[in-house]
Amino acid sequence: MSPVKVISQQPPGGRCTLYARYAEAICAATGWSHAVVHSENRDAHGVGFPSLCIRDVVLQPEDFFLLTAEDVCGHLERLEVDSVLVRNLRPRMQAILDEFIESAGVAPGKA
């Protein structure tokens, strides 16, 4: 099984696309593989879509709605991924989130 897995609806919606972009960035930085699993089961941050799973842990957003760059990078730090790698990845993850929020027309802090 891939170290990074996205559970997505088909076609992907907003958060599914966001989490897939996070997965691509994580894997580009770490060299890990990722998989996208399509599901018809809506179970945000669980066994259905939208979910992001890293090293067999389904990430839970601090705000209970949307995974942020801090949520993801904090998990990578807890996994003891190289601190320089995580520090370099953090701004890329934040840029992905900022682009998502801007494209959704949501005010910052209201996603």
N, C-alpha and C. Protein backbone atom coordinates (compact mmCIF):
# COMPACT_ATOMS: atom_id res chain seq x y z
N MET A 1 0.83 -1.17 0.00
CA MET A 1 0.00 0.00 0.00
C MET A 1 0.88 1.24 0.00
N SER A 2 0.45 2.25 -0.68
CA SER A 2 1.19 3.52 -0.76
C SER A 2 1.21 4.21 0.60
N PRO A 3 2.31 4.89 0.91
CA PRO A 3 2.38 5.61 2.18
C PRO A 3 1.38 6.77 2.27
N VAL A 4 0.98 7.30 1.11
CA VAL A 4 0.03 8.41 1.08
C VAL A 4 -1.17 7.99 0.25
N LYS A 5 -2.36 8.16 0.84
CA LYS A 5 -3.59 7.75 0.13
C LYS A 5 -4.62 8.86 0.27
N VAL A 6 -5.28 9.15 -0.85
CA VAL A 6 -6.39 10.09 -0.87
C VAL A 6 -7.64 9.28 -1.17
N ILE A 7 -8.67 9.48 -0.37
CA ILE A 7 -9.97 8.88 -0.66
C ILE A 7 -10.81 10.00 -1.27
N SER A 8 -11.26 9.78 -2.49
CA SER A 8 -11.90 10.83 -3.28
C SER A 8 -13.19 10.33 -3.90
N GLN A 9 -14.10 11.26 -4.10
CA GLN A 9 -15.26 10.94 -4.92
C GLN A 9 -14.85 11.04 -6.38
N GLN A 10 -15.69 10.53 -7.27
CA GLN A 10 -15.40 10.59 -8.69
C GLN A 10 -16.60 11.18 -9.40
N PRO A 11 -16.48 12.35 -10.03
CA PRO A 11 -15.29 13.17 -10.13
C PRO A 11 -14.99 13.86 -8.80
N PRO A 12 -13.74 14.23 -8.59
CA PRO A 12 -13.36 14.85 -7.32
C PRO A 12 -13.98 16.23 -7.16
N GLY A 13 -14.34 16.53 -5.93
CA GLY A 13 -14.85 17.86 -5.60
C GLY A 13 -13.72 18.69 -5.02
N GLY A 14 -14.07 19.74 -4.31
CA GLY A 14 -13.09 20.69 -3.80
C GLY A 14 -12.07 20.10 -2.85
N ARG A 15 -12.53 19.56 -1.72
CA ARG A 15 -11.57 19.02 -0.75
C ARG A 15 -10.85 17.80 -1.30
N CYS A 16 -11.52 16.98 -2.11
CA CYS A 16 -10.85 15.82 -2.71
C CYS A 16 -9.68 16.29 -3.58
N THR A 17 -9.90 17.35 -4.36
CA THR A 17 -8.85 17.89 -5.21
C THR A 17 -7.73 18.50 -4.37
N LEU A 18 -8.11 19.23 -3.32
CA LEU A 18 -7.11 19.81 -2.41
C LEU A 18 -6.23 18.72 -1.82
N TYR A 19 -6.84 17.65 -1.31
CA TYR A 19 -6.07 16.59 -0.67
C TYR A 19 -5.19 15.85 -1.68
N ALA A 20 -5.66 15.72 -2.92
CA ALA A 20 -4.83 15.10 -3.96
C ALA A 20 -3.61 15.98 -4.26
N ARG A 21 -3.80 17.28 -4.26
CA ARG A 21 -2.66 18.19 -4.47
C ARG A 21 -1.69 18.12 -3.31
N TYR A 22 -2.20 18.03 -2.08
CA TYR A 22 -1.32 17.84 -0.93
C TYR A 22 -0.50 16.56 -1.11
N ALA A 23 -1.17 15.48 -1.49
CA ALA A 23 -0.49 14.19 -1.65
C ALA A 23 0.62 14.28 -2.69
N GLU A 24 0.34 14.94 -3.80
CA GLU A 24 1.35 15.09 -4.84
C GLU A 24 2.56 15.86 -4.31
N ALA A 25 2.32 16.93 -3.55
CA ALA A 25 3.42 17.73 -3.01
C ALA A 25 4.24 16.93 -2.00
N ILE A 26 3.54 16.19 -1.13
CA ILE A 26 4.24 15.37 -0.13
C ILE A 26 5.12 14.34 -0.82
N CYS A 27 4.57 13.68 -1.83
CA CYS A 27 5.32 12.63 -2.51
C CYS A 27 6.47 13.18 -3.34
N ALA A 28 6.30 14.36 -3.92
CA ALA A 28 7.39 14.98 -4.66
C ALA A 28 8.55 15.31 -3.71
N ALA A 29 8.21 15.72 -2.49
CA ALA A 29 9.24 16.09 -1.52
C ALA A 29 9.91 14.88 -0.87
N THR A 30 9.14 13.83 -0.63
CA THR A 30 9.66 12.68 0.12
C THR A 30 10.12 11.52 -0.76
N GLY A 31 9.62 11.48 -1.98
CA GLY A 31 9.91 10.33 -2.84
C GLY A 31 8.96 9.16 -2.61
N TRP A 32 7.98 9.35 -1.73
CA TRP A 32 7.00 8.31 -1.46
C TRP A 32 6.02 8.20 -2.63
N SER A 33 5.30 7.11 -2.68
CA SER A 33 4.24 6.94 -3.67
C SER A 33 2.91 7.33 -3.04
N HIS A 34 1.92 7.57 -3.91
CA HIS A 34 0.59 7.84 -3.39
C HIS A 34 -0.44 7.17 -4.29
N ALA A 35 -1.60 6.99 -3.72
CA ALA A 35 -2.72 6.39 -4.46
C ALA A 35 -3.96 7.22 -4.20
N VAL A 36 -4.81 7.26 -5.21
CA VAL A 36 -6.13 7.87 -5.06
C VAL A 36 -7.14 6.74 -5.15
N VAL A 37 -7.94 6.61 -4.12
CA VAL A 37 -8.96 5.57 -4.05
C VAL A 37 -10.30 6.27 -4.19
N HIS A 38 -11.09 5.84 -5.16
CA HIS A 38 -12.40 6.45 -5.35
C HIS A 38 -13.45 5.72 -4.52
N SER A 39 -14.30 6.51 -3.92
CA SER A 39 -15.32 5.97 -3.03
C SER A 39 -16.64 6.70 -3.27
N GLU A 40 -17.72 6.03 -3.06
CA GLU A 40 -19.04 6.66 -3.09
C GLU A 40 -19.50 6.97 -1.67
N ASN A 41 -18.69 6.60 -0.70
CA ASN A 41 -19.02 6.74 0.71
C ASN A 41 -18.50 8.08 1.24
N ARG A 42 -19.42 8.98 1.60
CA ARG A 42 -19.02 10.27 2.18
C ARG A 42 -18.74 10.04 3.66
N ASP A 43 -17.49 10.24 4.05
CA ASP A 43 -17.07 10.10 5.44
C ASP A 43 -15.81 10.93 5.61
N ALA A 44 -15.99 12.26 5.64
CA ALA A 44 -14.85 13.16 5.71
C ALA A 44 -13.92 12.79 6.84
N HIS A 45 -12.65 12.65 6.49
CA HIS A 45 -11.59 12.37 7.44
C HIS A 45 -11.81 11.04 8.16
N GLY A 46 -12.29 10.08 7.37
CA GLY A 46 -12.54 8.73 7.87
C GLY A 46 -12.21 7.71 6.80
N VAL A 47 -13.15 6.80 6.53
CA VAL A 47 -12.92 5.76 5.55
C VAL A 47 -13.54 6.09 4.20
N GLY A 48 -14.17 7.25 4.09
CA GLY A 48 -14.76 7.69 2.83
C GLY A 48 -14.15 9.01 2.41
N PHE A 49 -14.78 9.64 1.41
CA PHE A 49 -14.23 10.89 0.90
C PHE A 49 -14.77 12.08 1.68
N PRO A 50 -14.07 13.18 1.68
CA PRO A 50 -12.67 13.38 1.33
C PRO A 50 -11.77 13.05 2.52
N SER A 51 -10.71 12.33 2.27
CA SER A 51 -9.78 11.95 3.33
C SER A 51 -8.36 11.89 2.78
N LEU A 52 -7.42 12.19 3.66
CA LEU A 52 -6.00 12.05 3.36
C LEU A 52 -5.39 11.18 4.44
N CYS A 53 -4.74 10.12 4.01
CA CYS A 53 -4.14 9.15 4.92
C CYS A 53 -2.64 9.10 4.65
N ILE A 54 -1.86 9.29 5.71
CA ILE A 54 -0.41 9.22 5.58
C ILE A 54 0.11 8.21 6.59
N ARG A 55 0.81 7.21 6.06
CA ARG A 55 1.38 6.13 6.88
C ARG A 55 0.30 5.50 7.78
N ASP A 56 -0.82 5.15 7.15
CA ASP A 56 -1.91 4.43 7.81
C ASP A 56 -2.67 5.25 8.86
N VAL A 57 -2.51 6.56 8.85
CA VAL A 57 -3.25 7.43 9.77
C VAL A 57 -4.08 8.40 8.94
N VAL A 58 -5.39 8.40 9.16
CA VAL A 58 -6.26 9.36 8.50
C VAL A 58 -6.14 10.68 9.25
N LEU A 59 -5.70 11.71 8.55
CA LEU A 59 -5.47 12.99 9.19
C LEU A 59 -6.80 13.66 9.56
N GLN A 60 -6.79 14.27 10.74
CA GLN A 60 -7.97 14.97 11.26
C GLN A 60 -7.67 16.46 11.30
N PRO A 61 -8.50 17.27 10.68
CA PRO A 61 -8.24 18.71 10.68
C PRO A 61 -8.52 19.34 12.03
N GLU A 62 -7.69 20.29 12.38
CA GLU A 62 -7.85 21.00 13.65
C GLU A 62 -9.22 21.66 13.74
N ASP A 63 -9.72 22.17 12.59
CA ASP A 63 -11.02 22.85 12.61
C ASP A 63 -12.19 21.91 12.32
N PHE A 64 -11.91 20.61 12.21
CA PHE A 64 -12.91 19.56 11.97
C PHE A 64 -13.55 19.65 10.58
N PHE A 65 -13.00 20.48 9.69
CA PHE A 65 -13.59 20.64 8.36
C PHE A 65 -12.59 20.46 7.23
N LEU A 66 -11.46 21.17 7.31
CA LEU A 66 -10.53 21.25 6.19
C LEU A 66 -9.10 21.09 6.68
N LEU A 67 -8.37 20.14 6.08
CA LEU A 67 -6.97 19.97 6.43
C LEU A 67 -6.16 21.17 5.96
N THR A 68 -5.35 21.71 6.85
CA THR A 68 -4.49 22.83 6.51
C THR A 68 -3.05 22.35 6.34
N ALA A 69 -2.22 23.25 5.87
CA ALA A 69 -0.80 22.94 5.75
C ALA A 69 -0.22 22.57 7.11
N GLU A 70 -0.66 23.26 8.15
CA GLU A 70 -0.17 22.96 9.50
C GLU A 70 -0.61 21.58 9.97
N ASP A 71 -1.86 21.19 9.66
CA ASP A 71 -2.33 19.85 10.02
C ASP A 71 -1.44 18.79 9.39
N VAL A 72 -1.17 18.95 8.10
CA VAL A 72 -0.40 17.94 7.36
C VAL A 72 1.06 17.95 7.81
N CYS A 73 1.67 19.11 7.88
CA CYS A 73 3.08 19.18 8.27
C CYS A 73 3.28 18.76 9.72
N GLY A 74 2.33 19.07 10.57
CA GLY A 74 2.40 18.60 11.96
C GLY A 74 2.42 17.08 12.02
N HIS A 75 1.60 16.45 11.19
CA HIS A 75 1.58 14.98 11.16
C HIS A 75 2.93 14.45 10.67
N LEU A 76 3.48 15.06 9.63
CA LEU A 76 4.78 14.62 9.12
C LEU A 76 5.86 14.77 10.19
N GLU A 77 5.79 15.85 10.96
CA GLU A 77 6.75 16.03 12.06
C GLU A 77 6.59 14.93 13.11
N ARG A 78 5.35 14.57 13.43
CA ARG A 78 5.12 13.50 14.41
C ARG A 78 5.63 12.16 13.89
N LEU A 79 5.66 12.00 12.57
CA LEU A 79 6.22 10.79 11.96
C LEU A 79 7.75 10.83 11.92
N GLU A 80 8.31 11.96 12.37
CA GLU A 80 9.75 12.18 12.38
C GLU A 80 10.35 12.21 10.99
N VAL A 81 9.58 12.76 10.04
CA VAL A 81 10.11 13.03 8.71
C VAL A 81 11.15 14.13 8.88
N ASP A 82 12.20 14.09 8.10
CA ASP A 82 13.29 15.06 8.20
C ASP A 82 12.76 16.48 8.37
N SER A 83 13.24 17.17 9.41
CA SER A 83 12.71 18.49 9.75
C SER A 83 12.98 19.53 8.66
N VAL A 84 14.10 19.41 7.97
CA VAL A 84 14.41 20.35 6.88
C VAL A 84 13.42 20.13 5.74
N LEU A 85 13.14 18.88 5.44
CA LEU A 85 12.18 18.56 4.39
C LEU A 85 10.81 19.15 4.73
N VAL A 86 10.36 18.97 5.95
CA VAL A 86 9.05 19.48 6.37
C VAL A 86 9.06 21.01 6.33
N ARG A 87 10.12 21.62 6.81
CA ARG A 87 10.21 23.09 6.80
C ARG A 87 10.15 23.62 5.37
N ASN A 88 10.78 22.93 4.43
CA ASN A 88 10.75 23.34 3.03
C ASN A 88 9.40 23.04 2.37
N LEU A 89 8.72 22.01 2.83
CA LEU A 89 7.43 21.62 2.28
C LEU A 89 6.30 22.55 2.75
N ARG A 90 6.41 23.05 3.96
CA ARG A 90 5.34 23.85 4.58
C ARG A 90 4.86 25.01 3.69
N PRO A 91 5.76 25.84 3.12
CA PRO A 91 5.25 26.94 2.28
C PRO A 91 4.55 26.45 1.02
N ARG A 92 4.99 25.34 0.46
CA ARG A 92 4.31 24.77 -0.72
C ARG A 92 2.91 24.32 -0.35
N MET A 93 2.78 23.67 0.79
CA MET A 93 1.47 23.22 1.24
C MET A 93 0.56 24.42 1.51
N GLN A 94 1.12 25.47 2.11
CA GLN A 94 0.33 26.68 2.38
C GLN A 94 -0.11 27.33 1.07
N ALA A 95 0.75 27.34 0.07
CA ALA A 95 0.40 27.92 -1.23
C ALA A 95 -0.74 27.13 -1.88
N ILE A 96 -0.71 25.81 -1.75
CA ILE A 96 -1.80 24.98 -2.28
C ILE A 96 -3.11 25.35 -1.59
N LEU A 97 -3.07 25.47 -0.26
CA LEU A 97 -4.27 25.83 0.49
C LEU A 97 -4.75 27.23 0.11
N ASP A 98 -3.83 28.18 0.01
CA ASP A 98 -4.21 29.55 -0.36
C ASP A 98 -4.87 29.60 -1.73
N GLU A 99 -4.32 28.85 -2.69
CA GLU A 99 -4.91 28.78 -4.04
C GLU A 99 -6.32 28.18 -3.98
N PHE A 100 -6.49 27.15 -3.16
CA PHE A 100 -7.79 26.51 -3.00
C PHE A 100 -8.81 27.51 -2.45
N ILE A 101 -8.42 28.21 -1.39
CA ILE A 101 -9.33 29.17 -0.76
C ILE A 101 -9.67 30.30 -1.72
N GLU A 102 -8.66 30.79 -2.44
CA GLU A 102 -8.90 31.87 -3.39
C GLU A 102 -9.84 31.43 -4.50
N SER A 103 -9.62 30.23 -5.04
CA SER A 103 -10.46 29.75 -6.14
C SER A 103 -11.89 29.46 -5.68
N ALA A 104 -12.05 29.15 -4.40
CA ALA A 104 -13.38 28.87 -3.87
C ALA A 104 -14.12 30.16 -3.50
N GLY A 105 -13.38 31.27 -3.51
CA GLY A 105 -13.99 32.53 -3.15
C GLY A 105 -14.37 32.63 -1.68
N VAL A 106 -13.60 31.93 -0.85
CA VAL A 106 -13.86 31.92 0.58
C VAL A 106 -12.88 32.88 1.25
N ALA A 107 -13.37 33.67 2.16
CA ALA A 107 -12.49 34.58 2.89
C ALA A 107 -11.52 33.78 3.74
N PRO A 108 -10.26 34.21 3.84
CA PRO A 108 -9.28 33.50 4.69
C PRO A 108 -9.82 33.30 6.09
N GLY A 109 -9.56 32.10 6.63
CA GLY A 109 -10.04 31.77 7.97
C GLY A 109 -11.48 31.27 8.00
N LYS A 110 -12.14 31.25 6.81
CA LYS A 110 -13.55 30.82 6.75
C LYS A 110 -13.73 29.56 5.92
N ALA A 111 -12.64 28.91 5.52
CA ALA A 111 -12.73 27.72 4.66
C ALA A 111 -13.34 26.56 5.41
